[in-house]
Amino acid sequence: MAPPSLDDGRHLWRLAHDSGLDINSPYAYVLWCHDFATTCVAARDAEGELRGFVTGYVRPDHPDTYFLWQVAVDPGFRGRRLARRMLDHIGDRIAARGLTYLEATVTPDNAASRALFASFARDRGAELTWTPLFEREHFPQDGHGHEPEELVRIGPLTAPH
């Protein structure tokens, strides 16, 4: 696992699409790889193919907090704890930089993400809190709808030993 390269942007977009995530523009994924590579992670298989990624950034108004934007795992690589290994990797990297909190938003029905964050917090001995953040009315009402998003906050995190 390592930060993504600029050439990974198109592959992040494809993987987000194949994983069923809310898809950002292709430009956004290239930008993640250019401007935020140090706060992202790319996971590759033995042949060097991208099989998972985490994107995130340090919150400008809260420099002790990492906001995790997306976690994607290739559908063919699910069930191998890749999401958890990527989360542990990014958790170690941000804690080593002195950040003490990790935040993300999750829809109420996303049991897999809720379990991922709960196990991460438990195994790190960190507190986990859930609070409402974005309601349906905060999103465009274009017929597709969007579930509410709750904020998960995990911390304090400690540097790896």
C-alpha atoms as a PDB file:
ATOM      1  CA  MET A   1       0.000   0.000   0.000  1.00  0.00           C
ATOM      2  CA  ALA A   2       1.231   3.427  -0.946  1.00  0.00           C
ATOM      3  CA  PRO A   3      -0.027   6.862  -1.930  1.00  0.00           C
ATOM      4  CA  PRO A   4      -1.608   6.886  -5.403  1.00  0.00           C
ATOM      5  CA  SER A   5       0.290   8.281  -8.383  1.00  0.00           C
ATOM      6  CA  LEU A   6      -1.118  10.774 -10.857  1.00  0.00           C
ATOM      7  CA  ASP A   7      -1.643   7.934 -13.335  1.00  0.00           C
ATOM      8  CA  ASP A   8      -3.957   6.231 -10.822  1.00  0.00           C
ATOM      9  CA  GLY A   9      -6.691   8.885 -11.128  1.00  0.00           C
ATOM     10  CA  ARG A  10      -8.565   7.177 -13.961  1.00  0.00           C
ATOM     11  CA  HIS A  11      -8.278   3.841 -12.170  1.00  0.00           C
ATOM     12  CA  LEU A  12      -9.721   5.300  -8.949  1.00  0.00           C
ATOM     13  CA  TRP A  13     -12.691   6.591 -10.967  1.00  0.00           C
ATOM     14  CA  ARG A  14     -13.233   3.165 -12.566  1.00  0.00           C
ATOM     15  CA  LEU A  15     -12.951   1.382  -9.231  1.00  0.00           C
ATOM     16  CA  ALA A  16     -15.397   3.809  -7.602  1.00  0.00           C
ATOM     17  CA  HIS A  17     -17.835   3.085 -10.443  1.00  0.00           C
ATOM     18  CA  ASP A  18     -17.339  -0.686 -10.263  1.00  0.00           C
ATOM     19  CA  SER A  19     -17.732  -0.612  -6.470  1.00  0.00           C
ATOM     20  CA  GLY A  20     -21.091   1.148  -6.605  1.00  0.00           C
ATOM     21  CA  LEU A  21     -19.942   4.283  -4.792  1.00  0.00           C
ATOM     22  CA  ASP A  22     -21.313   7.749  -5.408  1.00  0.00           C
ATOM     23  CA  ILE A  23     -19.090   8.665  -8.328  1.00  0.00           C
ATOM     24  CA  ASN A  24     -17.261  11.962  -8.508  1.00  0.00           C
ATOM     25  CA  SER A  25     -16.030  13.436 -11.781  1.00  0.00           C
ATOM     26  CA  PRO A  26     -12.948  11.848 -13.355  1.00  0.00           C
ATOM     27  CA  TYR A  27     -11.209  15.176 -12.750  1.00  0.00           C
ATOM     28  CA  ALA A  28     -11.842  14.850  -9.003  1.00  0.00           C
ATOM     29  CA  TYR A  29     -10.055  11.489  -8.852  1.00  0.00           C
ATOM     30  CA  VAL A  30      -7.073  12.883 -10.772  1.00  0.00           C
ATOM     31  CA  LEU A  31      -7.025  15.799  -8.337  1.00  0.00           C
ATOM     32  CA  TRP A  32      -7.063  13.397  -5.362  1.00  0.00           C
ATOM     33  CA  CYS A  33      -3.964  11.723  -6.819  1.00  0.00           C
ATOM     34  CA  HIS A  34      -2.225  15.031  -7.490  1.00  0.00           C
ATOM     35  CA  ASP A  35      -3.065  17.274  -4.524  1.00  0.00           C
ATOM     36  CA  PHE A  36      -3.981  14.782  -1.800  1.00  0.00           C
ATOM     37  CA  ALA A  37      -1.809  11.739  -2.522  1.00  0.00           C
ATOM     38  CA  THR A  38      -0.139  11.914   0.893  1.00  0.00           C
ATOM     39  CA  THR A  39      -3.526  11.482   2.602  1.00  0.00           C
ATOM     40  CA  CYS A  40      -4.758   8.731   0.269  1.00  0.00           C
ATOM     41  CA  VAL A  41      -3.792   5.110  -0.218  1.00  0.00           C
ATOM     42  CA  ALA A  42      -3.793   2.781  -3.202  1.00  0.00           C
ATOM     43  CA  ALA A  43      -3.792  -0.998  -2.728  1.00  0.00           C
ATOM     44  CA  ARG A  44      -2.477  -3.199  -5.517  1.00  0.00           C
ATOM     45  CA  ASP A  45      -2.459  -6.913  -6.216  1.00  0.00           C
ATOM     46  CA  ALA A  46       0.686  -8.937  -6.977  1.00  0.00           C
ATOM     47  CA  GLU A  47       0.545  -7.840 -10.624  1.00  0.00           C
ATOM     48  CA  GLY A  48       0.373  -4.160  -9.676  1.00  0.00           C
ATOM     49  CA  GLU A  49      -3.325  -3.685 -10.536  1.00  0.00           C
ATOM     50  CA  LEU A  50      -5.273  -1.251  -8.345  1.00  0.00           C
ATOM     51  CA  ARG A  51      -7.676  -3.261  -6.164  1.00  0.00           C
ATOM     52  CA  GLY A  52      -8.655  -0.690  -3.562  1.00  0.00           C
ATOM     53  CA  PHE A  53      -8.244   2.889  -2.469  1.00  0.00           C
ATOM     54  CA  VAL A  54      -8.928   5.338   0.326  1.00  0.00           C
ATOM     55  CA  THR A  55      -9.260   9.054  -0.344  1.00  0.00           C
ATOM     56  CA  GLY A  56      -9.280  11.671   2.367  1.00  0.00           C
ATOM     57  CA  TYR A  57      -7.836  14.940   3.581  1.00  0.00           C
ATOM     58  CA  VAL A  58      -6.916  16.899   6.679  1.00  0.00           C
ATOM     59  CA  ARG A  59      -9.827  19.177   7.571  1.00  0.00           C
ATOM     60  CA  PRO A  60      -8.715  22.806   7.087  1.00  0.00           C
ATOM     61  CA  ASP A  61     -10.637  24.086  10.128  1.00  0.00           C
ATOM     62  CA  HIS A  62      -9.621  21.103  12.281  1.00  0.00           C
ATOM     63  CA  PRO A  63      -5.956  20.281  11.552  1.00  0.00           C
ATOM     64  CA  ASP A  64      -6.032  17.398  14.049  1.00  0.00           C
ATOM     65  CA  THR A  65      -8.750  15.616  12.036  1.00  0.00           C
ATOM     66  CA  TYR A  66      -8.558  13.435   8.934  1.00  0.00           C
ATOM     67  CA  PHE A  67     -11.754  13.227   6.891  1.00  0.00           C
ATOM     68  CA  LEU A  68     -12.075   9.959   4.991  1.00  0.00           C
ATOM     69  CA  TRP A  69     -13.904  10.663   1.717  1.00  0.00           C
ATOM     70  CA  GLN A  70     -14.190   7.252   0.064  1.00  0.00           C
ATOM     71  CA  VAL A  71     -13.144   3.649   0.528  1.00  0.00           C
ATOM     72  CA  ALA A  72     -13.387   1.390  -2.509  1.00  0.00           C
ATOM     73  CA  VAL A  73     -12.556  -2.281  -2.931  1.00  0.00           C
ATOM     74  CA  ASP A  74     -12.628  -4.133  -6.236  1.00  0.00           C
ATOM     75  CA  PRO A  75     -15.694  -6.425  -6.115  1.00  0.00           C
ATOM     76  CA  GLY A  76     -13.453  -9.422  -6.866  1.00  0.00           C
ATOM     77  CA  PHE A  77     -11.333  -8.643  -3.802  1.00  0.00           C
ATOM     78  CA  ARG A  78     -14.112  -8.273  -1.242  1.00  0.00           C
ATOM     79  CA  GLY A  79     -14.068 -10.531   1.773  1.00  0.00           C
ATOM     80  CA  ARG A  80     -10.280 -10.332   2.104  1.00  0.00           C
ATOM     81  CA  ARG A  81     -10.217  -7.536   4.721  1.00  0.00           C
ATOM     82  CA  LEU A  82      -8.670  -5.146   2.191  1.00  0.00           C
ATOM     83  CA  ALA A  83     -10.815  -2.212   3.355  1.00  0.00           C
ATOM     84  CA  ARG A  84      -9.700  -2.780   6.935  1.00  0.00           C
ATOM     85  CA  ARG A  85      -6.026  -3.106   5.978  1.00  0.00           C
ATOM     86  CA  MET A  86      -6.242   0.163   4.024  1.00  0.00           C
ATOM     87  CA  LEU A  87      -7.974   1.863   6.957  1.00  0.00           C
ATOM     88  CA  ASP A  88      -5.285   0.600   9.344  1.00  0.00           C
ATOM     89  CA  HIS A  89      -2.591   1.837   6.949  1.00  0.00           C
ATOM     90  CA  ILE A  90      -4.075   5.327   6.663  1.00  0.00           C
ATOM     91  CA  GLY A  91      -4.779   5.365  10.420  1.00  0.00           C
ATOM     92  CA  ASP A  92      -1.117   4.651  11.151  1.00  0.00           C
ATOM     93  CA  ARG A  93       0.025   7.308   8.668  1.00  0.00           C
ATOM     94  CA  ILE A  94      -2.211  10.061  10.014  1.00  0.00           C
ATOM     95  CA  ALA A  95      -1.486   9.230  13.657  1.00  0.00           C
ATOM     96  CA  ALA A  96       2.252   9.346  12.902  1.00  0.00           C
ATOM     97  CA  ARG A  97       1.657  12.868  11.525  1.00  0.00           C
ATOM     98  CA  GLY A  98       0.060  13.891  14.827  1.00  0.00           C
ATOM     99  CA  LEU A  99      -3.581  13.789  13.759  1.00  0.00           C
ATOM    100  CA  THR A 100      -5.788  12.463  16.537  1.00  0.00           C
ATOM    101  CA  TYR A 101      -9.228  12.022  14.937  1.00  0.00           C
ATOM    102  CA  LEU A 102     -10.652  10.274  11.907  1.00  0.00           C
ATOM    103  CA  GLU A 103     -14.057  11.271  10.564  1.00  0.00           C
ATOM    104  CA  ALA A 104     -16.266  10.028   7.738  1.00  0.00           C
ATOM    105  CA  THR A 105     -19.910  10.111   6.766  1.00  0.00           C
ATOM    106  CA  VAL A 106     -21.987   6.975   6.355  1.00  0.00           C
ATOM    107  CA  THR A 107     -25.593   6.377   5.353  1.00  0.00           C
ATOM    108  CA  PRO A 108     -27.754   4.683   7.995  1.00  0.00           C
ATOM    109  CA  ASP A 109     -28.164   1.527   5.889  1.00  0.00           C
ATOM    110  CA  ASN A 110     -24.455   0.975   5.142  1.00  0.00           C
ATOM    111  CA  ALA A 111     -23.848  -1.904   7.541  1.00  0.00           C
ATOM    112  CA  ALA A 112     -20.448  -2.805   6.052  1.00  0.00           C
ATOM    113  CA  SER A 113     -18.984   0.688   6.594  1.00  0.00           C
ATOM    114  CA  ARG A 114     -20.484   0.907  10.079  1.00  0.00           C
ATOM    115  CA  ALA A 115     -18.896  -2.420  11.016  1.00  0.00           C
ATOM    116  CA  LEU A 116     -15.560  -1.359   9.474  1.00  0.00           C
ATOM    117  CA  PHE A 117     -15.374   1.846  11.502  1.00  0.00           C
ATOM    118  CA  ALA A 118     -16.605   0.149  14.693  1.00  0.00           C
ATOM    119  CA  SER A 119     -13.912  -2.556  14.491  1.00  0.00           C
ATOM    120  CA  PHE A 120     -11.229   0.045  13.690  1.00  0.00           C
ATOM    121  CA  ALA A 121     -12.198   2.127  16.745  1.00  0.00           C
ATOM    122  CA  ARG A 122     -12.451  -0.925  19.009  1.00  0.00           C
ATOM    123  CA  ASP A 123      -9.087  -2.338  17.968  1.00  0.00           C
ATOM    124  CA  ARG A 124      -7.421   1.050  18.469  1.00  0.00           C
ATOM    125  CA  GLY A 125      -9.052   1.619  21.856  1.00  0.00           C
ATOM    126  CA  ALA A 126     -10.590   4.818  20.509  1.00  0.00           C
ATOM    127  CA  GLU A 127     -14.011   6.312  21.132  1.00  0.00           C
ATOM    128  CA  LEU A 128     -16.535   6.116  18.302  1.00  0.00           C
ATOM    129  CA  THR A 129     -19.418   8.591  18.086  1.00  0.00           C
ATOM    130  CA  TRP A 130     -22.209   8.928  15.526  1.00  0.00           C
ATOM    131  CA  THR A 131     -24.090  12.185  14.959  1.00  0.00           C
ATOM    132  CA  PRO A 132     -26.517  13.288  12.238  1.00  0.00           C
ATOM    133  CA  LEU A 133     -24.832  15.565   9.698  1.00  0.00           C
ATOM    134  CA  PHE A 134     -26.584  15.782   6.323  1.00  0.00           C
ATOM    135  CA  GLU A 135     -30.312  15.206   5.833  1.00  0.00           C
ATOM    136  CA  ARG A 136     -32.103  14.303   2.587  1.00  0.00           C
ATOM    137  CA  GLU A 137     -33.049  17.934   1.993  1.00  0.00           C
ATOM    138  CA  HIS A 138     -29.372  18.922   1.860  1.00  0.00           C
ATOM    139  CA  PHE A 139     -29.013  16.983  -1.411  1.00  0.00           C
ATOM    140  CA  PRO A 140     -30.537  17.730  -4.838  1.00  0.00           C
ATOM    141  CA  GLN A 141     -34.075  16.454  -5.195  1.00  0.00           C
ATOM    142  CA  ASP A 142     -33.572  15.118  -8.714  1.00  0.00           C
ATOM    143  CA  GLY A 143     -35.666  11.965  -8.433  1.00  0.00           C
ATOM    144  CA  HIS A 144     -32.721   9.810  -7.379  1.00  0.00           C
ATOM    145  CA  GLY A 145     -32.757  10.907  -3.777  1.00  0.00           C
ATOM    146  CA  HIS A 146     -29.879  10.552  -1.394  1.00  0.00           C
ATOM    147  CA  GLU A 147     -29.894   8.943   1.986  1.00  0.00           C
ATOM    148  CA  PRO A 148     -28.989  11.049   5.020  1.00  0.00           C
ATOM    149  CA  GLU A 149     -25.349  10.894   6.080  1.00  0.00           C
ATOM    150  CA  GLU A 150     -24.215  10.512   9.675  1.00  0.00           C
ATOM    151  CA  LEU A 151     -20.817  11.669  10.867  1.00  0.00           C
ATOM    152  CA  VAL A 152     -18.645   9.060  12.527  1.00  0.00           C
ATOM    153  CA  ARG A 153     -15.800  10.429  14.651  1.00  0.00           C
ATOM    154  CA  ILE A 154     -13.086   8.126  15.952  1.00  0.00           C
ATOM    155  CA  GLY A 155     -10.403   9.141  18.387  1.00  0.00           C
ATOM    156  CA  PRO A 156      -8.208   9.976  19.913  1.00  0.00           C
ATOM    157  CA  LEU A 157      -5.821   7.987  17.755  1.00  0.00           C
ATOM    158  CA  THR A 158      -2.282   7.267  18.862  1.00  0.00           C
ATOM    159  CA  ALA A 159       0.855   6.857  16.779  1.00  0.00           C
ATOM    160  CA  PRO A 160       1.817   3.270  15.930  1.00  0.00           C
ATOM    161  CA  HIS A 161       4.499   1.679  18.117  1.00  0.00           C
END
